[in-house]
Amino acid sequence: MLILKDKPEDFIVEEIALNGKILQIDTNISASDLGVSELDNGDYLVFVMQKRNWNTSQALRRIARYLSKGKKSFSFAGTKDRKAVTTQLCSIYKADIDKLKAMKIKDIKINGAFYYNKPVKLGDLLGNRFRIILRGEHKPVSDQIEQYGRFPNFFGEQRFGFRDNNVKIGLELLRGNIKEAVILYLTDTSNELNKLAIEARERLRREMDFKKALEYFPKYLKYERSVIEYLSRYENYANAFRRLPRQLLLMFIHSVDSYIFNRELQLRIEQGISRMENDLYTKPDFYGFPSRELSKDYDESSFVMMPLIGYNTELNSIEKQILEELSIDKESFKVKHMPELNAKGSYRAAYAPYKNLYIKDSKDIIEVGFEIPAGSYATTLLRYKGLEYKEVKELESN
């Protein structure tokens, strides 16, 4: 069996900026490289962050401490894997460029910085270029492959959480069962790897004593402890959940969307359905990736756009069937007691393009490289190309 992410250098991710510029590892990037003009009096310091073995939020929090800035002053184009070497575009409000460039934090580098009049926003990227090493014994892999093509755009397993329980929690939220969602988050031991965490979660489920739980819950479970601390004083489960970052709470809702998308796409493939009522379409952009302009017009170059369901989605017959199986409806995406998690709905390409694909095979290593759009999963493409693997899992301790 092939092994993925044996070490960070086995998974290199370089962001592709909106103008098609690839933010290459160990390469300085200027404003002109990104097709914009540097502004000496700009309020925002835009920079390219290169990191190794950090997740995006942790790396930015560390930089924020160094610059004496709040974490909310930062923004970024897209999140990146932790066990990897990655580059990504970020910005910070009113920071000292010389201090940032002089920063020395282990496994974090700044590959260029400049002032601009707008912050980097989530989604300000075309996609990512991957260079991946898979290690282990394997059958020979042909290097005679199509460099360009499309693959089923399934969400990867990462979307469903480290403990693989985001969907269960999200469904309870959508059903209006806030207390059940919170208890699941705190006590579910599905796929939990840490023995102390398993014992703590199981004990809390048995005793339901939140004050006592603060004495034995592992310190590294900071988010869980924050929720428990609130519940030790107040019996308000919605407000307790609000102690978590909103982006984390939204991930519970988005994971349900992702599950429904994957299920619908699988059913379409099995039933040979390429297009359905209520589908929308988009044309390739200059880079060959799906553009952001949706329409009802279709031709052979179009990407079929399937919905990520929300309360405004016009449902087709498959989607109605799946929602019924899950005991929710589209109105469920107006989240009871937590309206800040309401989901209007959006669209995602059913099949994503890949380009510049290569595979280099040797005795104990396969090297794979390609470019795919933002939001598409490298791991999905690997499996589509027949490269089955086992990912090295690590205990979460941050």
Protein backbone atom coordinates (compact mmCIF):
# COMPACT_ATOMS: atom_id res chain seq x y z
CA MET A 1 0.00 0.00 0.00
CA LEU A 2 1.27 3.46 -0.91
CA ILE A 3 1.76 5.96 1.91
CA LEU A 4 0.74 9.63 1.58
CA LYS A 5 2.35 12.38 3.68
CA ASP A 6 5.11 10.28 5.20
CA LYS A 7 6.81 13.65 5.73
CA PRO A 8 5.83 17.27 4.92
CA GLU A 9 8.12 17.48 1.87
CA ASP A 10 6.06 14.70 0.26
CA PHE A 11 3.11 17.08 -0.17
CA ILE A 12 3.99 20.40 -1.81
CA VAL A 13 1.17 22.85 -2.55
CA GLU A 14 1.80 26.10 -4.42
CA GLU A 15 -1.09 28.54 -4.76
CA ILE A 16 -2.09 29.83 -8.21
CA ALA A 17 -2.97 33.53 -8.00
CA LEU A 18 -5.92 35.11 -9.79
CA ASN A 19 -3.71 36.18 -12.71
CA GLY A 20 -2.33 32.64 -13.15
CA LYS A 21 0.98 33.28 -11.37
CA ILE A 22 2.16 30.25 -9.40
CA LEU A 23 3.54 31.15 -5.97
CA GLN A 24 6.55 28.88 -6.23
CA ILE A 25 8.37 27.51 -3.20
CA ASP A 26 11.45 29.57 -2.17
CA THR A 27 10.67 32.25 -4.78
CA ASN A 28 10.15 35.95 -4.07
CA ILE A 29 6.83 37.26 -5.39
CA SER A 30 6.30 40.98 -6.11
CA ALA A 31 3.18 43.06 -6.69
CA SER A 32 3.91 43.14 -10.43
CA ASP A 33 4.11 39.34 -10.47
CA LEU A 34 0.49 39.34 -9.30
CA GLY A 35 -0.58 41.97 -11.81
CA VAL A 36 -1.16 44.80 -9.32
CA SER A 37 0.63 48.03 -8.44
CA GLU A 38 2.36 48.41 -5.10
CA LEU A 39 1.03 51.35 -3.05
CA ASP A 40 3.36 52.95 -0.50
CA ASN A 41 0.38 54.31 1.44
CA GLY A 42 -1.77 51.19 1.22
CA ASP A 43 -3.47 50.08 4.43
CA TYR A 44 -2.89 46.39 3.82
CA LEU A 45 0.38 44.51 3.84
CA VAL A 46 0.04 41.68 1.31
CA PHE A 47 2.53 38.83 1.57
CA VAL A 48 3.23 35.29 0.41
CA MET A 49 3.58 32.89 3.32
CA GLN A 50 5.54 29.67 2.91
CA LYS A 51 5.06 27.19 5.70
CA ARG A 52 6.07 23.67 6.65
CA ASN A 53 4.11 21.53 9.11
CA TRP A 54 1.81 24.39 10.19
CA ASN A 55 -1.86 24.76 9.43
CA THR A 56 -2.92 28.14 8.08
CA SER A 57 -4.64 29.56 11.16
CA GLN A 58 -1.87 28.47 13.54
CA ALA A 59 0.83 29.99 11.35
CA LEU A 60 -1.02 33.31 11.05
CA ARG A 61 -1.68 33.42 14.80
CA ARG A 62 2.05 32.98 15.38
CA ILE A 63 2.87 35.81 12.96
CA ALA A 64 0.19 37.96 14.61
CA ARG A 65 1.88 37.55 18.00
CA TYR A 66 5.23 38.48 16.48
CA LEU A 67 3.75 41.64 14.94
CA SER A 68 1.62 42.46 18.02
CA LYS A 69 -1.54 42.22 15.95
CA GLY A 70 -4.88 40.60 16.58
CA LYS A 71 -5.69 37.47 14.61
CA LYS A 72 -8.69 39.21 13.04
CA SER A 73 -6.36 41.64 11.26
CA PHE A 74 -5.21 38.80 8.98
CA SER A 75 -6.88 37.31 5.92
CA PHE A 76 -5.88 34.74 3.31
CA ALA A 77 -6.95 33.43 -0.09
CA GLY A 78 -7.27 29.75 0.80
CA THR A 79 -6.47 27.29 3.58
CA LYS A 80 -3.63 24.81 3.15
CA ASP A 81 -2.77 21.40 4.59
CA ARG A 82 -0.73 21.22 7.78
CA LYS A 83 1.54 18.25 7.05
CA ALA A 84 2.88 19.77 3.85
CA VAL A 85 5.11 22.49 2.43
CA THR A 86 2.81 25.20 1.07
CA THR A 87 2.62 28.76 -0.22
CA GLN A 88 -0.35 31.07 0.02
CA LEU A 89 -1.32 34.71 -0.38
CA CYS A 90 -2.20 36.55 2.85
CA SER A 91 -2.64 40.10 4.10
CA ILE A 92 -2.59 42.00 7.38
CA TYR A 93 -4.02 45.39 8.25
CA LYS A 94 -1.46 48.14 8.87
CA ALA A 95 1.71 46.23 9.69
CA ASP A 96 5.42 47.05 9.41
CA ILE A 97 6.81 45.49 6.21
CA ASP A 98 10.42 45.58 7.42
CA LYS A 99 9.54 43.80 10.66
CA LEU A 100 7.62 41.14 8.73
CA LYS A 101 10.52 40.55 6.34
CA ALA A 102 12.93 40.28 9.29
CA MET A 103 10.75 37.68 11.04
CA LYS A 104 12.39 34.41 12.04
CA ILE A 105 9.90 31.70 12.97
CA LYS A 106 10.79 28.05 12.49
CA ASP A 107 9.34 26.61 9.27
CA ILE A 108 7.62 29.86 8.21
CA LYS A 109 9.05 32.12 5.50
CA ILE A 110 7.88 35.31 3.81
CA ASN A 111 8.33 35.09 0.03
CA GLY A 112 7.66 38.73 -0.81
CA ALA A 113 5.52 41.50 0.68
CA PHE A 114 4.07 44.82 -0.48
CA TYR A 115 1.46 47.41 0.51
CA TYR A 116 -1.91 47.52 -1.22
CA ASN A 117 -5.30 49.22 -0.76
CA LYS A 118 -7.35 46.03 -0.43
CA PRO A 119 -7.04 42.94 1.75
CA VAL A 120 -6.68 39.43 0.40
CA LYS A 121 -10.08 37.73 0.57
CA LEU A 122 -11.02 34.07 0.91
CA GLY A 123 -11.35 32.79 -2.64
CA ASP A 124 -8.75 35.14 -4.18
CA LEU A 125 -7.02 32.30 -6.01
CA LEU A 126 -7.53 30.22 -9.15
CA GLY A 127 -6.26 26.95 -7.76
CA ASN A 128 -3.20 25.06 -6.57
CA ARG A 129 -0.24 23.22 -8.07
CA PHE A 130 0.66 19.96 -6.33
CA ARG A 131 3.82 17.90 -6.23
CA ILE A 132 3.18 14.71 -4.28
CA ILE A 133 5.39 11.77 -3.30
CA LEU A 134 3.73 8.42 -2.56
CA ARG A 135 6.01 5.88 -0.87
CA GLY A 136 5.85 2.10 -0.66
CA GLU A 137 5.61 -1.06 -2.70
CA HIS A 138 3.22 -0.83 -5.63
CA LYS A 139 2.37 -2.17 -9.04
CA PRO A 140 4.03 -0.36 -11.97
CA VAL A 141 2.21 2.80 -13.03
CA SER A 142 2.20 3.90 -16.65
CA ASP A 143 3.60 7.36 -17.33
CA GLN A 144 1.61 7.46 -20.58
CA ILE A 145 -1.22 9.57 -19.23
CA GLU A 146 -3.45 12.41 -20.32
CA GLN A 147 -1.96 15.69 -19.14
CA TYR A 148 -5.34 17.41 -19.31
CA GLY A 149 -8.80 16.15 -18.41
CA ARG A 150 -11.65 16.24 -15.92
CA PHE A 151 -12.39 14.12 -12.86
CA PRO A 152 -15.41 13.67 -10.55
CA ASN A 153 -15.15 16.57 -8.14
CA PHE A 154 -15.87 14.67 -4.92
CA PHE A 155 -15.05 16.35 -1.63
CA GLY A 156 -12.11 14.64 0.06
CA GLU A 157 -12.26 12.99 3.45
CA GLN A 158 -10.55 16.03 5.00
CA ARG A 159 -13.82 17.91 4.55
CA PHE A 160 -15.52 15.73 7.14
CA GLY A 161 -13.20 16.42 10.06
CA PHE A 162 -10.30 14.76 11.84
CA ARG A 163 -12.75 12.58 13.81
CA ASP A 164 -15.00 12.11 10.74
CA ASN A 165 -18.04 13.30 12.71
CA ASN A 166 -18.72 16.73 11.21
CA VAL A 167 -21.71 15.41 9.27
CA LYS A 168 -23.33 13.93 12.39
CA ILE A 169 -22.88 17.20 14.27
CA GLY A 170 -24.07 19.27 11.31
CA LEU A 171 -27.22 17.19 10.89
CA GLU A 172 -28.17 17.73 14.54
CA LEU A 173 -27.73 21.48 14.07
CA LEU A 174 -29.91 21.43 10.95
CA ARG A 175 -32.58 19.44 12.78
CA GLY A 176 -32.63 22.06 15.51
CA ASN A 177 -31.09 19.73 18.08
CA ILE A 178 -28.46 22.14 19.41
CA LYS A 179 -27.87 20.29 22.69
CA GLU A 180 -27.35 16.97 20.87
CA ALA A 181 -24.89 18.65 18.48
CA VAL A 182 -22.85 20.06 21.37
CA ILE A 183 -22.78 16.75 23.25
CA LEU A 184 -21.69 14.94 20.09
CA TYR A 185 -18.88 17.45 19.57
CA LEU A 186 -17.65 17.01 23.12
CA THR A 187 -18.09 13.26 23.66
CA ASP A 188 -17.99 11.41 20.33
CA THR A 189 -14.88 9.21 20.14
CA SER A 190 -15.22 8.22 16.48
CA ASN A 191 -11.73 7.94 14.99
CA GLU A 192 -10.21 9.60 18.06
CA LEU A 193 -6.54 8.55 18.33
CA ASN A 194 -5.48 10.06 21.64
CA LYS A 195 -6.07 7.73 24.61
CA LEU A 196 -6.48 10.60 27.10
CA ALA A 197 -9.00 12.29 24.83
CA ILE A 198 -10.98 9.06 24.42
CA GLU A 199 -11.12 8.57 28.20
CA ALA A 200 -12.13 12.21 28.79
CA ARG A 201 -14.89 12.19 26.17
CA GLU A 202 -16.30 8.87 27.42
CA ARG A 203 -16.24 10.04 31.05
CA LEU A 204 -18.07 13.27 30.20
CA ARG A 205 -20.71 11.29 28.30
CA ARG A 206 -21.26 9.09 31.37
CA GLU A 207 -21.23 11.80 34.04
CA MET A 208 -22.30 14.98 32.21
CA ASP A 209 -20.57 17.02 34.92
CA PHE A 210 -19.04 20.00 33.12
CA LYS A 211 -17.32 21.51 36.17
CA LYS A 212 -15.59 18.22 36.88
CA ALA A 213 -14.68 17.81 33.19
CA LEU A 214 -12.47 20.92 33.36
CA GLU A 215 -10.22 19.00 35.74
CA TYR A 216 -9.51 16.09 33.41
CA PHE A 217 -10.07 17.23 29.81
CA PRO A 218 -6.67 17.43 28.03
CA LYS A 219 -5.32 20.96 27.82
CA TYR A 220 -4.69 20.68 24.07
CA LEU A 221 -8.45 20.34 23.44
CA LYS A 222 -8.76 24.12 23.73
CA TYR A 223 -12.02 24.47 21.81
CA GLU A 224 -13.74 21.69 23.73
CA ARG A 225 -12.58 23.16 27.03
CA SER A 226 -13.94 26.56 26.04
CA VAL A 227 -17.39 25.04 25.42
CA ILE A 228 -17.21 22.99 28.65
CA GLU A 229 -16.16 26.05 30.67
CA TYR A 230 -19.25 27.94 29.48
CA LEU A 231 -21.56 24.98 30.22
CA SER A 232 -20.08 24.68 33.69
CA ARG A 233 -21.67 28.08 34.40
CA TYR A 234 -24.68 28.36 32.09
CA GLU A 235 -27.12 25.84 30.61
CA ASN A 236 -27.32 27.47 27.18
CA TYR A 237 -26.03 25.11 24.51
CA ALA A 238 -26.31 27.54 21.59
CA ASN A 239 -24.22 30.15 23.39
CA ALA A 240 -21.77 27.46 24.48
CA PHE A 241 -21.25 26.49 20.84
CA ARG A 242 -20.73 30.16 20.02
CA ARG A 243 -17.48 29.95 21.97
CA LEU A 244 -16.11 28.18 18.89
CA PRO A 245 -14.86 30.17 15.87
CA ARG A 246 -17.71 30.79 13.44
CA GLN A 247 -15.70 29.18 10.63
CA LEU A 248 -15.54 25.95 12.61
CA LEU A 249 -19.28 26.01 13.26
CA LEU A 250 -19.93 26.66 9.58
CA MET A 251 -17.80 23.62 8.72
CA PHE A 252 -20.40 21.43 10.43
CA ILE A 253 -23.07 22.81 8.08
CA HIS A 254 -20.78 22.68 5.05
CA SER A 255 -19.89 19.07 5.77
CA VAL A 256 -23.56 18.14 5.36
CA ASP A 257 -23.61 20.04 2.05
CA SER A 258 -20.48 18.15 1.02
CA TYR A 259 -21.95 14.78 1.96
CA ILE A 260 -25.09 15.51 -0.08
CA PHE A 261 -22.97 16.68 -3.04
CA ASN A 262 -20.84 13.51 -2.96
CA ARG A 263 -23.91 11.30 -2.65
CA GLU A 264 -25.67 13.00 -5.55
CA LEU A 265 -22.60 12.89 -7.78
CA GLN A 266 -22.14 9.19 -7.05
CA LEU A 267 -25.79 8.50 -7.92
CA ARG A 268 -25.48 10.48 -11.17
CA ILE A 269 -22.40 8.47 -12.13
CA GLU A 270 -24.07 5.15 -11.28
CA GLN A 271 -27.22 6.07 -13.22
CA GLY A 272 -25.36 7.62 -16.18
CA ILE A 273 -26.89 11.07 -15.65
CA SER A 274 -24.77 13.92 -16.99
CA ARG A 275 -27.28 16.78 -16.66
CA MET A 276 -30.44 17.36 -14.62
CA GLU A 277 -33.17 19.92 -14.14
CA ASN A 278 -32.03 23.01 -12.23
CA ASP A 279 -28.36 22.47 -13.13
CA LEU A 280 -26.43 25.61 -13.97
CA TYR A 281 -23.31 25.87 -16.14
CA THR A 282 -20.14 27.88 -16.45
CA LYS A 283 -17.47 28.28 -19.11
CA PRO A 284 -13.72 27.73 -18.66
CA ASP A 285 -11.76 30.83 -17.66
CA PHE A 286 -8.45 31.88 -19.28
CA TYR A 287 -6.66 29.20 -17.24
CA GLY A 288 -9.07 26.43 -18.19
CA PHE A 289 -10.71 26.31 -14.76
CA PRO A 290 -14.43 26.92 -14.10
CA SER A 291 -15.21 30.64 -14.25
CA ARG A 292 -17.40 32.33 -11.64
CA GLU A 293 -20.22 33.34 -14.00
CA LEU A 294 -23.17 30.94 -13.89
CA SER A 295 -25.73 30.58 -16.65
CA LYS A 296 -28.39 28.23 -18.01
CA ASP A 297 -26.63 28.04 -21.39
CA TYR A 298 -24.74 24.82 -22.13
CA ASP A 299 -22.24 23.69 -24.75
CA GLU A 300 -19.58 20.97 -24.91
CA SER A 301 -16.96 23.13 -23.13
CA SER A 302 -19.26 23.94 -20.20
CA PHE A 303 -18.81 22.73 -16.65
CA VAL A 304 -21.97 21.31 -15.06
CA MET A 305 -22.49 23.07 -11.72
CA MET A 306 -24.26 21.08 -9.01
CA PRO A 307 -25.71 22.79 -5.93
CA LEU A 308 -24.32 22.93 -2.44
CA ILE A 309 -27.75 22.98 -0.91
CA GLY A 310 -29.16 25.89 1.06
CA TYR A 311 -32.57 27.31 1.79
CA ASN A 312 -32.70 29.04 -1.63
CA THR A 313 -31.76 25.97 -3.71
CA GLU A 314 -34.18 24.69 -6.34
CA LEU A 315 -34.06 20.97 -5.67
CA ASN A 316 -34.04 18.19 -8.26
CA SER A 317 -35.46 14.73 -7.67
CA ILE A 318 -32.19 13.21 -6.43
CA GLU A 319 -31.61 16.01 -3.93
CA LYS A 320 -35.15 15.69 -2.56
CA GLN A 321 -34.56 11.95 -2.08
CA ILE A 322 -31.28 12.48 -0.21
CA LEU A 323 -32.72 15.17 2.07
CA GLU A 324 -35.64 12.90 2.91
CA GLU A 325 -33.20 10.11 3.83
CA LEU A 326 -31.40 12.54 6.16
CA SER A 327 -34.66 13.74 7.78
CA ILE A 328 -34.08 17.36 6.78
CA ASP A 329 -35.36 19.70 4.08
CA LYS A 330 -33.97 22.83 2.48
CA GLU A 331 -35.64 24.99 5.13
CA SER A 332 -33.44 23.20 7.66
CA PHE A 333 -30.56 25.33 6.37
CA LYS A 334 -32.16 28.21 8.26
CA VAL A 335 -30.57 27.00 11.47
CA LYS A 336 -32.87 27.16 14.48
CA HIS A 337 -31.47 29.11 17.45
CA MET A 338 -28.23 29.89 15.53
CA PRO A 339 -29.22 31.99 12.49
CA GLU A 340 -25.60 33.06 11.95
CA LEU A 341 -25.12 29.57 10.48
CA ASN A 342 -27.88 29.95 7.87
CA ALA A 343 -26.82 28.67 4.45
CA LYS A 344 -28.31 30.21 1.33
CA GLY A 345 -26.68 27.71 -1.05
CA SER A 346 -24.06 27.86 -3.80
CA TYR A 347 -22.70 25.79 -6.70
CA ARG A 348 -19.71 23.55 -7.41
CA ALA A 349 -18.47 21.90 -10.59
CA ALA A 350 -19.56 18.27 -10.86
CA TYR A 351 -16.35 17.50 -12.76
CA ALA A 352 -13.17 19.49 -12.14
CA PRO A 353 -10.38 20.00 -14.65
CA TYR A 354 -6.78 19.01 -14.11
CA LYS A 355 -3.81 20.18 -16.16
CA ASN A 356 -0.08 19.52 -16.54
CA LEU A 357 -0.45 16.10 -14.93
CA TYR A 358 2.62 13.87 -14.76
CA ILE A 359 3.44 10.61 -12.99
CA LYS A 360 7.02 9.42 -12.40
CA ASP A 361 7.30 5.84 -11.19
CA SER A 362 10.31 4.22 -9.52
CA LYS A 363 10.76 1.15 -7.33
CA ASP A 364 9.53 2.51 -4.00
CA ILE A 365 8.27 5.98 -4.94
CA ILE A 366 5.66 7.52 -7.20
CA GLU A 367 5.90 11.27 -7.87
CA VAL A 368 2.75 12.98 -9.13
CA GLY A 369 2.26 16.60 -10.19
CA PHE A 370 -0.75 18.54 -11.45
CA GLU A 371 -2.79 21.73 -11.19
CA ILE A 372 -6.45 21.81 -10.10
CA PRO A 373 -8.99 24.54 -9.23
CA ALA A 374 -9.44 25.96 -5.76
CA GLY A 375 -11.75 23.79 -3.68
CA SER A 376 -10.94 20.58 -5.56
CA TYR A 377 -9.07 17.82 -3.74
CA ALA A 378 -5.70 16.43 -4.79
CA THR A 379 -6.52 13.20 -2.95
CA THR A 380 -9.67 12.76 -5.07
CA LEU A 381 -7.64 13.04 -8.27
CA LEU A 382 -5.05 10.57 -6.98
CA ARG A 383 -7.73 7.96 -6.37
CA TYR A 384 -9.39 8.72 -9.71
CA LYS A 385 -6.06 7.90 -11.36
CA GLY A 386 -5.94 4.58 -9.52
CA LEU A 387 -3.35 5.62 -6.93
CA GLU A 388 -4.79 4.08 -3.78
CA TYR A 389 -2.97 5.15 -0.64
CA LYS A 390 -3.05 5.27 3.13
CA GLU A 391 -2.54 8.68 4.67
CA VAL A 392 -0.27 8.99 7.69
CA LYS A 393 -2.47 10.27 10.51
CA GLU A 394 -1.10 12.20 13.47
CA LEU A 395 -2.57 13.14 16.82
CA GLU A 396 -4.01 16.64 16.89
CA SER A 397 -2.18 18.49 19.62
CA ASN A 398 -2.52 22.17 18.75
